[in-house]
Full PDB file with SEQRES, HELIX, SHEET, SSBOND, CRYST1, ORIGX, SCALE, CONECT and MASTER records, all heavy atoms in Angstrom:
SEQRES   1 A   35  LYS THR SER LEU VAL LYS ALA LEU SER VAL ILE LEU SER          
SEQRES   2 A   35  THR ALA SER LEU ASP LYS ASN PRO GLN SER ARG GLN ARG          
SEQRES   3 A   35  GLY ILE THR LEU ASP LEU GLY PHE SER                          
HELIX    1 AA1 THR A    2  LEU A    8  1                                   7    
HELIX    2 AA2 PRO A   21  ARG A   26  1                                   6    
CRYST1    1.000    1.000    1.000  90.00  90.00  90.00 P 1           1          
ORIGX1      1.000000  0.000000  0.000000        0.00000                         
ORIGX2      0.000000  1.000000  0.000000        0.00000                         
ORIGX3      0.000000  0.000000  1.000000        0.00000                         
SCALE1      1.000000  0.000000  0.000000        0.00000                         
SCALE2      0.000000  1.000000  0.000000        0.00000                         
SCALE3      0.000000  0.000000  1.000000        0.00000                         
ATOM      1  N   LYS A   1       0.822  -1.216   0.000  1.00  0.00           N  
ATOM      2  CA  LYS A   1       0.000   0.000   0.000  1.00  0.00           C  
ATOM      3  C   LYS A   1       0.855   1.264   0.000  1.00  0.00           C  
ATOM      4  O   LYS A   1       0.665   2.150  -0.825  1.00  0.00           O  
ATOM      5  CB  LYS A   1      -0.932   0.020   1.223  1.00  0.00           C  
ATOM      6  CG  LYS A   1      -1.919  -1.111   1.286  1.00  0.00           C  
ATOM      7  CD  LYS A   1      -2.723  -1.094   2.570  1.00  0.00           C  
ATOM      8  CE  LYS A   1      -1.905  -1.178   3.824  1.00  0.00           C  
ATOM      9  NZ  LYS A   1      -1.107  -2.403   4.010  1.00  0.00           N  
ATOM     10  N   THR A   2       1.789   1.347   0.927  1.00  0.00           N  
ATOM     11  CA  THR A   2       2.617   2.550   1.040  1.00  0.00           C  
ATOM     12  C   THR A   2       3.494   2.723  -0.192  1.00  0.00           C  
ATOM     13  O   THR A   2       3.671   3.840  -0.676  1.00  0.00           O  
ATOM     14  CB  THR A   2       3.461   2.511   2.328  1.00  0.00           C  
ATOM     15  OG1 THR A   2       2.553   2.392   3.444  1.00  0.00           O  
ATOM     16  CG2 THR A   2       4.298   3.766   2.501  1.00  0.00           C  
ATOM     17  N   SER A   3       4.005   1.640  -0.735  1.00  0.00           N  
ATOM     18  CA  SER A   3       4.809   1.731  -1.965  1.00  0.00           C  
ATOM     19  C   SER A   3       3.971   2.262  -3.125  1.00  0.00           C  
ATOM     20  O   SER A   3       4.447   3.085  -3.915  1.00  0.00           O  
ATOM     21  CB  SER A   3       5.382   0.362  -2.332  1.00  0.00           C  
ATOM     22  OG  SER A   3       6.285  -0.067  -1.352  1.00  0.00           O  
ATOM     23  N   LEU A   4       2.721   1.810  -3.231  1.00  0.00           N  
ATOM     24  CA  LEU A   4       1.824   2.307  -4.273  1.00  0.00           C  
ATOM     25  C   LEU A   4       1.570   3.796  -4.080  1.00  0.00           C  
ATOM     26  O   LEU A   4       1.651   4.584  -5.030  1.00  0.00           O  
ATOM     27  CB  LEU A   4       0.497   1.537  -4.254  1.00  0.00           C  
ATOM     28  CG  LEU A   4      -0.588   2.070  -5.188  1.00  0.00           C  
ATOM     29  CD1 LEU A   4      -0.182   1.900  -6.647  1.00  0.00           C  
ATOM     30  CD2 LEU A   4      -1.917   1.394  -4.897  1.00  0.00           C  
ATOM     31  N   VAL A   5       1.282   4.193  -2.849  1.00  0.00           N  
ATOM     32  CA  VAL A   5       1.013   5.600  -2.554  1.00  0.00           C  
ATOM     33  C   VAL A   5       2.242   6.457  -2.885  1.00  0.00           C  
ATOM     34  O   VAL A   5       2.123   7.526  -3.474  1.00  0.00           O  
ATOM     35  CB  VAL A   5       0.567   5.776  -1.078  1.00  0.00           C  
ATOM     36  CG1 VAL A   5       0.547   7.231  -0.677  1.00  0.00           C  
ATOM     37  CG2 VAL A   5      -0.811   5.146  -0.867  1.00  0.00           C  
ATOM     38  N   LYS A   6       3.422   5.981  -2.530  1.00  0.00           N  
ATOM     39  CA  LYS A   6       4.655   6.713  -2.852  1.00  0.00           C  
ATOM     40  C   LYS A   6       4.796   6.890  -4.361  1.00  0.00           C  
ATOM     41  O   LYS A   6       5.208   7.944  -4.832  1.00  0.00           O  
ATOM     42  CB  LYS A   6       5.876   5.983  -2.305  1.00  0.00           C  
ATOM     43  CG  LYS A   6       6.084   6.151  -0.832  1.00  0.00           C  
ATOM     44  CD  LYS A   6       7.321   5.387  -0.369  1.00  0.00           C  
ATOM     45  CE  LYS A   6       7.462   5.454   1.136  1.00  0.00           C  
ATOM     46  NZ  LYS A   6       8.602   4.662   1.627  1.00  0.00           N  
ATOM     47  N   ALA A   7       4.464   5.852  -5.123  1.00  0.00           N  
ATOM     48  CA  ALA A   7       4.597   5.912  -6.581  1.00  0.00           C  
ATOM     49  C   ALA A   7       3.598   6.893  -7.199  1.00  0.00           C  
ATOM     50  O   ALA A   7       3.913   7.547  -8.196  1.00  0.00           O  
ATOM     51  CB  ALA A   7       4.410   4.527  -7.179  1.00  0.00           C  
ATOM     52  N   LEU A   8       2.416   7.014  -6.621  1.00  0.00           N  
ATOM     53  CA  LEU A   8       1.379   7.882  -7.179  1.00  0.00           C  
ATOM     54  C   LEU A   8       1.497   9.335  -6.726  1.00  0.00           C  
ATOM     55  O   LEU A   8       1.072  10.248  -7.431  1.00  0.00           O  
ATOM     56  CB  LEU A   8      -0.012   7.375  -6.770  1.00  0.00           C  
ATOM     57  CG  LEU A   8      -0.468   6.044  -7.348  1.00  0.00           C  
ATOM     58  CD1 LEU A   8      -1.788   5.624  -6.709  1.00  0.00           C  
ATOM     59  CD2 LEU A   8      -0.589   6.119  -8.854  1.00  0.00           C  
ATOM     60  N   SER A   9       2.064   9.555  -5.570  1.00  0.00           N  
ATOM     61  CA  SER A   9       2.015  10.874  -4.931  1.00  0.00           C  
ATOM     62  C   SER A   9       3.047  11.853  -5.470  1.00  0.00           C  
ATOM     63  O   SER A   9       4.179  11.485  -5.748  1.00  0.00           O  
ATOM     64  CB  SER A   9       2.221  10.736  -3.423  1.00  0.00           C  
ATOM     65  OG  SER A   9       1.192   9.948  -2.883  1.00  0.00           O  
ATOM     66  N   VAL A  10       2.601  13.090  -5.576  1.00  0.00           N  
ATOM     67  CA  VAL A  10       3.510  14.195  -5.904  1.00  0.00           C  
ATOM     68  C   VAL A  10       3.478  15.256  -4.805  1.00  0.00           C  
ATOM     69  O   VAL A  10       4.323  16.130  -4.768  1.00  0.00           O  
ATOM     70  CB  VAL A  10       3.173  14.838  -7.274  1.00  0.00           C  
ATOM     71  CG1 VAL A  10       3.422  13.856  -8.401  1.00  0.00           C  
ATOM     72  CG2 VAL A  10       1.749  15.346  -7.318  1.00  0.00           C  
ATOM     73  N   ILE A  11       2.491  15.163  -3.919  1.00  0.00           N  
ATOM     74  CA  ILE A  11       2.347  16.110  -2.810  1.00  0.00           C  
ATOM     75  C   ILE A  11       2.304  15.287  -1.529  1.00  0.00           C  
ATOM     76  O   ILE A  11       1.468  14.397  -1.389  1.00  0.00           O  
ATOM     77  CB  ILE A  11       1.046  16.937  -2.938  1.00  0.00           C  
ATOM     78  CG1 ILE A  11       1.016  17.702  -4.264  1.00  0.00           C  
ATOM     79  CG2 ILE A  11       0.896  17.882  -1.748  1.00  0.00           C  
ATOM     80  CD1 ILE A  11      -0.347  18.290  -4.595  1.00  0.00           C  
ATOM     81  N   LEU A  12       3.215  15.574  -0.606  1.00  0.00           N  
ATOM     82  CA  LEU A  12       3.251  14.845   0.660  1.00  0.00           C  
ATOM     83  C   LEU A  12       2.934  15.794   1.800  1.00  0.00           C  
ATOM     84  O   LEU A  12       3.439  16.910   1.834  1.00  0.00           O  
ATOM     85  CB  LEU A  12       4.634  14.228   0.886  1.00  0.00           C  
ATOM     86  CG  LEU A  12       5.107  13.236  -0.175  1.00  0.00           C  
ATOM     87  CD1 LEU A  12       6.531  12.789   0.128  1.00  0.00           C  
ATOM     88  CD2 LEU A  12       4.187  12.043  -0.262  1.00  0.00           C  
ATOM     89  N   SER A  13       2.101  15.336   2.721  1.00  0.00           N  
ATOM     90  CA  SER A  13       1.787  16.166   3.884  1.00  0.00           C  
ATOM     91  C   SER A  13       2.822  15.915   4.967  1.00  0.00           C  
ATOM     92  O   SER A  13       3.669  15.038   4.850  1.00  0.00           O  
ATOM     93  CB  SER A  13       0.384  15.837   4.412  1.00  0.00           C  
ATOM     94  OG  SER A  13       0.430  14.653   5.180  1.00  0.00           O  
ATOM     95  N   THR A  14       2.725  16.666   6.036  1.00  0.00           N  
ATOM     96  CA  THR A  14       3.633  16.441   7.163  1.00  0.00           C  
ATOM     97  C   THR A  14       3.293  15.143   7.879  1.00  0.00           C  
ATOM     98  O   THR A  14       4.086  14.654   8.666  1.00  0.00           O  
ATOM     99  CB  THR A  14       3.568  17.612   8.161  1.00  0.00           C  
ATOM    100  OG1 THR A  14       2.221  17.788   8.580  1.00  0.00           O  
ATOM    101  CG2 THR A  14       4.099  18.886   7.539  1.00  0.00           C  
ATOM    102  N   ALA A  15       2.123  14.578   7.611  1.00  0.00           N  
ATOM    103  CA  ALA A  15       1.719  13.303   8.211  1.00  0.00           C  
ATOM    104  C   ALA A  15       1.605  12.254   7.112  1.00  0.00           C  
ATOM    105  O   ALA A  15       0.586  11.613   6.942  1.00  0.00           O  
ATOM    106  CB  ALA A  15       0.391  13.471   8.943  1.00  0.00           C  
ATOM    107  N   SER A  16       2.679  12.094   6.352  1.00  0.00           N  
ATOM    108  CA  SER A  16       2.582  11.165   5.235  1.00  0.00           C  
ATOM    109  C   SER A  16       3.609  10.055   5.319  1.00  0.00           C  
ATOM    110  O   SER A  16       4.714  10.238   5.827  1.00  0.00           O  
ATOM    111  CB  SER A  16       2.768  11.919   3.918  1.00  0.00           C  
ATOM    112  OG  SER A  16       4.083  12.404   3.820  1.00  0.00           O  
ATOM    113  N   LEU A  17       3.217   8.917   4.856  1.00  0.00           N  
ATOM    114  CA  LEU A  17       4.106   7.809   4.542  1.00  0.00           C  
ATOM    115  C   LEU A  17       5.103   7.456   5.642  1.00  0.00           C  
ATOM    116  O   LEU A  17       6.305   7.617   5.497  1.00  0.00           O  
ATOM    117  CB  LEU A  17       4.827   8.094   3.222  1.00  0.00           C  
ATOM    118  CG  LEU A  17       3.901   8.525   2.081  1.00  0.00           C  
ATOM    119  CD1 LEU A  17       4.696   8.794   0.828  1.00  0.00           C  
ATOM    120  CD2 LEU A  17       2.811   7.529   1.822  1.00  0.00           C  
ATOM    121  N   ASP A  18       4.565   6.973   6.710  1.00  0.00           N  
ATOM    122  CA  ASP A  18       5.369   6.432   7.802  1.00  0.00           C  
ATOM    123  C   ASP A  18       6.340   7.428   8.421  1.00  0.00           C  
ATOM    124  O   ASP A  18       7.503   7.132   8.658  1.00  0.00           O  
ATOM    125  CB  ASP A  18       6.116   5.165   7.343  1.00  0.00           C  
ATOM    126  CG  ASP A  18       5.150   4.071   6.902  1.00  0.00           C  
ATOM    127  OD1 ASP A  18       3.992   4.084   7.349  1.00  0.00           O  
ATOM    128  OD2 ASP A  18       5.575   3.205   6.127  1.00  0.00           O  
ATOM    129  N   LYS A  19       5.858   8.630   8.700  1.00  0.00           N  
ATOM    130  CA  LYS A  19       6.686   9.643   9.353  1.00  0.00           C  
ATOM    131  C   LYS A  19       6.981   9.273  10.808  1.00  0.00           C  
ATOM    132  O   LYS A  19       7.986   9.675  11.366  1.00  0.00           O  
ATOM    133  CB  LYS A  19       5.996  11.011   9.327  1.00  0.00           C  
ATOM    134  CG  LYS A  19       5.845  11.595   7.952  1.00  0.00           C  
ATOM    135  CD  LYS A  19       7.114  12.230   7.488  1.00  0.00           C  
ATOM    136  CE  LYS A  19       6.853  12.930   6.168  1.00  0.00           C  
ATOM    137  NZ  LYS A  19       8.015  13.480   5.566  1.00  0.00           N  
ATOM    138  N   ASN A  20       6.090   8.498  11.413  1.00  0.00           N  
ATOM    139  CA  ASN A  20       6.263   8.082  12.797  1.00  0.00           C  
ATOM    140  C   ASN A  20       7.538   7.237  12.911  1.00  0.00           C  
ATOM    141  O   ASN A  20       7.684   6.236  12.211  1.00  0.00           O  
ATOM    142  CB  ASN A  20       5.037   7.264  13.214  1.00  0.00           C  
ATOM    143  CG  ASN A  20       5.063   6.834  14.656  1.00  0.00           C  
ATOM    144  OD1 ASN A  20       6.113   6.569  15.226  1.00  0.00           O  
ATOM    145  ND2 ASN A  20       3.884   6.733  15.242  1.00  0.00           N  
ATOM    146  N   PRO A  21       8.474   7.626  13.784  1.00  0.00           N  
ATOM    147  CA  PRO A  21       9.718   6.863  13.925  1.00  0.00           C  
ATOM    148  C   PRO A  21       9.479   5.382  14.238  1.00  0.00           C  
ATOM    149  O   PRO A  21      10.216   4.514  13.789  1.00  0.00           O  
ATOM    150  CB  PRO A  21      10.445   7.554  15.083  1.00  0.00           C  
ATOM    151  CG  PRO A  21       9.860   8.918  15.159  1.00  0.00           C  
ATOM    152  CD  PRO A  21       8.448   8.801  14.652  1.00  0.00           C  
ATOM    153  N   GLN A  22       8.423   5.100  14.993  1.00  0.00           N  
ATOM    154  CA  GLN A  22       8.110   3.708  15.322  1.00  0.00           C  
ATOM    155  C   GLN A  22       7.684   2.933  14.067  1.00  0.00           C  
ATOM    156  O   GLN A  22       7.958   1.747  13.955  1.00  0.00           O  
ATOM    157  CB  GLN A  22       7.019   3.673  16.393  1.00  0.00           C  
ATOM    158  CG  GLN A  22       7.024   2.400  17.196  1.00  0.00           C  
ATOM    159  CD  GLN A  22       6.013   2.450  18.311  1.00  0.00           C  
ATOM    160  OE1 GLN A  22       4.894   2.923  18.152  1.00  0.00           O  
ATOM    161  NE2 GLN A  22       6.403   1.939  19.463  1.00  0.00           N  
ATOM    162  N   SER A  23       7.032   3.620  13.107  1.00  0.00           N  
ATOM    163  CA  SER A  23       6.671   2.979  11.843  1.00  0.00           C  
ATOM    164  C   SER A  23       7.923   2.540  11.102  1.00  0.00           C  
ATOM    165  O   SER A  23       7.995   1.427  10.577  1.00  0.00           O  
ATOM    166  CB  SER A  23       5.884   3.934  10.948  1.00  0.00           C  
ATOM    167  OG  SER A  23       4.576   4.099  11.397  1.00  0.00           O  
ATOM    168  N   ARG A  24       8.894   3.430  11.037  1.00  0.00           N  
ATOM    169  CA  ARG A  24      10.145   3.101  10.339  1.00  0.00           C  
ATOM    170  C   ARG A  24      10.893   1.979  11.053  1.00  0.00           C  
ATOM    171  O   ARG A  24      11.433   1.090  10.427  1.00  0.00           O  
ATOM    172  CB  ARG A  24      11.017   4.353  10.221  1.00  0.00           C  
ATOM    173  CG  ARG A  24      10.487   5.281   9.149  1.00  0.00           C  
ATOM    174  CD  ARG A  24      11.435   6.441   8.922  1.00  0.00           C  
ATOM    175  NE  ARG A  24      10.631   7.648   9.121  1.00  0.00           N  
ATOM    176  CZ  ARG A  24      11.024   8.726   9.729  1.00  0.00           C  
ATOM    177  NH1 ARG A  24      12.232   8.832  10.195  1.00  0.00           N  
ATOM    178  NH2 ARG A  24      10.227   9.755   9.857  1.00  0.00           N  
ATOM    179  N   GLN A  25      10.888   2.033  12.385  1.00  0.00           N  
ATOM    180  CA  GLN A  25      11.593   1.022  13.169  1.00  0.00           C  
ATOM    181  C   GLN A  25      10.958  -0.361  12.971  1.00  0.00           C  
ATOM    182  O   GLN A  25      11.665  -1.346  12.798  1.00  0.00           O  
ATOM    183  CB  GLN A  25      11.580   1.417  14.642  1.00  0.00           C  
ATOM    184  CG  GLN A  25      12.277   0.435  15.559  1.00  0.00           C  
ATOM    185  CD  GLN A  25      12.143   0.842  17.026  1.00  0.00           C  
ATOM    186  OE1 GLN A  25      11.499   1.827  17.368  1.00  0.00           O  
ATOM    187  NE2 GLN A  25      12.748   0.072  17.901  1.00  0.00           N  
ATOM    188  N   ARG A  26       9.631  -0.421  12.995  1.00  0.00           N  
ATOM    189  CA  ARG A  26       8.927  -1.701  12.877  1.00  0.00           C  
ATOM    190  C   ARG A  26       8.701  -2.133  11.429  1.00  0.00           C  
ATOM    191  O   ARG A  26       8.360  -3.276  11.161  1.00  0.00           O  
ATOM    192  CB  ARG A  26       7.584  -1.614  13.604  1.00  0.00           C  
ATOM    193  CG  ARG A  26       7.770  -1.465  15.107  1.00  0.00           C  
ATOM    194  CD  ARG A  26       6.472  -1.293  15.836  1.00  0.00           C  
ATOM    195  NE  ARG A  26       5.590  -2.430  15.663  1.00  0.00           N  
ATOM    196  CZ  ARG A  26       4.343  -2.462  16.103  1.00  0.00           C  
ATOM    197  NH1 ARG A  26       3.847  -1.424  16.748  1.00  0.00           N  
ATOM    198  NH2 ARG A  26       3.594  -3.516  15.898  1.00  0.00           N  
ATOM    199  N   GLY A  27       8.844  -1.183  10.493  1.00  0.00           N  
ATOM    200  CA  GLY A  27       8.673  -1.513   9.085  1.00  0.00           C  
ATOM    201  C   GLY A  27       7.229  -1.673   8.658  1.00  0.00           C  
ATOM    202  O   GLY A  27       6.945  -2.327   7.655  1.00  0.00           O  
ATOM    203  N   ILE A  28       6.293  -1.092   9.419  1.00  0.00           N  
ATOM    204  CA  ILE A  28       4.873  -1.138   9.051  1.00  0.00           C  
ATOM    205  C   ILE A  28       4.247   0.239   9.277  1.00  0.00           C  
ATOM    206  O   ILE A  28       4.725   1.023  10.085  1.00  0.00           O  
ATOM    207  CB  ILE A  28       4.076  -2.210   9.842  1.00  0.00           C  
ATOM    208  CG1 ILE A  28       4.081  -1.910  11.344  1.00  0.00           C  
ATOM    209  CG2 ILE A  28       4.598  -3.604   9.556  1.00  0.00           C  
ATOM    210  CD1 ILE A  28       3.155  -2.799  12.159  1.00  0.00           C  
ATOM    211  N   THR A  29       3.164   0.493   8.588  1.00  0.00           N  
ATOM    212  CA  THR A  29       2.427   1.736   8.759  1.00  0.00           C  
ATOM    213  C   THR A  29       1.613   1.646  10.043  1.00  0.00           C  
ATOM    214  O   THR A  29       0.850   0.699  10.234  1.00  0.00           O  
ATOM    215  CB  THR A  29       1.503   1.979   7.545  1.00  0.00           C  
ATOM    216  OG1 THR A  29       2.315   2.080   6.381  1.00  0.00           O  
ATOM    217  CG2 THR A  29       0.673   3.229   7.714  1.00  0.00           C  
ATOM    218  N   LEU A  30       1.768   2.648  10.909  1.00  0.00           N  
ATOM    219  CA  LEU A  30       1.042   2.681  12.176  1.00  0.00           C  
ATOM    220  C   LEU A  30      -0.035   3.747  12.204  1.00  0.00           C  
ATOM    221  O   LEU A  30      -1.009   3.630  12.935  1.00  0.00           O  
ATOM    222  CB  LEU A  30       2.019   2.916  13.336  1.00  0.00           C  
ATOM    223  CG  LEU A  30       3.067   1.835  13.564  1.00  0.00           C  
ATOM    224  CD1 LEU A  30       4.058   2.273  14.630  1.00  0.00           C  
ATOM    225  CD2 LEU A  30       2.413   0.518  13.930  1.00  0.00           C  
ATOM    226  N   ASP A  31       0.155   4.818  11.443  1.00  0.00           N  
ATOM    227  CA  ASP A  31      -0.771   5.944  11.427  1.00  0.00           C  
ATOM    228  C   ASP A  31      -1.324   6.134  10.019  1.00  0.00           C  
ATOM    229  O   ASP A  31      -0.770   5.624   9.054  1.00  0.00           O  
ATOM    230  CB  ASP A  31      -0.045   7.239  11.826  1.00  0.00           C  
ATOM    231  CG  ASP A  31       0.547   7.176  13.211  1.00  0.00           C  
ATOM    232  OD1 ASP A  31      -0.130   6.681  14.121  1.00  0.00           O  
ATOM    233  OD2 ASP A  31       1.698   7.623  13.382  1.00  0.00           O  
ATOM    234  N   LEU A  32      -2.376   6.927   9.913  1.00  0.00           N  
ATOM    235  CA  LEU A  32      -2.857   7.320   8.599  1.00  0.00           C  
ATOM    236  C   LEU A  32      -1.813   8.226   7.955  1.00  0.00           C  
ATOM    237  O   LEU A  32      -1.253   9.096   8.609  1.00  0.00           O  
ATOM    238  CB  LEU A  32      -4.185   8.071   8.709  1.00  0.00           C  
ATOM    239  CG  LEU A  32      -5.359   7.302   9.310  1.00  0.00           C  
ATOM    240  CD1 LEU A  32      -6.565   8.226   9.429  1.00  0.00           C  
ATOM    241  CD2 LEU A  32      -5.695   6.076   8.482  1.00  0.00           C  
ATOM    242  N   GLY A  33      -1.558   8.014   6.678  1.00  0.00           N  
ATOM    243  CA  GLY A  33      -0.626   8.863   5.941  1.00  0.00           C  
ATOM    244  C   GLY A  33      -1.385   9.598   4.852  1.00  0.00           C  
ATOM    245  O   GLY A  33      -2.260   9.026   4.211  1.00  0.00           O  
ATOM    246  N   PHE A  34      -1.073  10.869   4.656  1.00  0.00           N  
ATOM    247  CA  PHE A  34      -1.799  11.680   3.677  1.00  0.00           C  
ATOM    248  C   PHE A  34      -0.852  12.179   2.602  1.00  0.00           C  
ATOM    249  O   PHE A  34       0.214  12.708   2.900  1.00  0.00           O  
ATOM    250  CB  PHE A  34      -2.479  12.864   4.371  1.00  0.00           C  
ATOM    251  CG  PHE A  34      -3.474  12.429   5.410  1.00  0.00           C  
ATOM    252  CD1 PHE A  34      -3.091  12.264   6.737  1.00  0.00           C  
ATOM    253  CD2 PHE A  34      -4.787  12.162   5.062  1.00  0.00           C  
ATOM    254  CE1 PHE A  34      -4.003  11.846   7.697  1.00  0.00           C  
ATOM    255  CE2 PHE A  34      -5.701  11.748   6.017  1.00  0.00           C  
ATOM    256  CZ  PHE A  34      -5.313  11.590   7.334  1.00  0.00           C  
ATOM    257  N   SER A  35      -1.258  12.001   1.358  1.00  0.00           N  
ATOM    258  CA  SER A  35      -0.486  12.498   0.222  1.00  0.00           C  
ATOM    259  C   SER A  35      -1.480  12.744  -0.908  1.00  0.00           C  
ATOM    260  O   SER A  35      -2.677  12.498  -0.758  1.00  0.00           O  
ATOM    261  CB  SER A  35       0.579  11.486  -0.186  1.00  0.00           C  
ATOM    262  OG  SER A  35      -0.027  10.274  -0.582  1.00  0.00           O  
TER     263      SER A  35                                                      
MASTER        0    0    0    2    0    0    0    6  262    1    0    3          
END                                                                             
């Protein structure tokens, strides 16, 4: 899902695509991401 969103998106919000450090650490999306 996140890879697809990254491929489609040209505008990223401050709450987009695994910005949460815990998301990056665990390798999964934990919060809603907006783009």
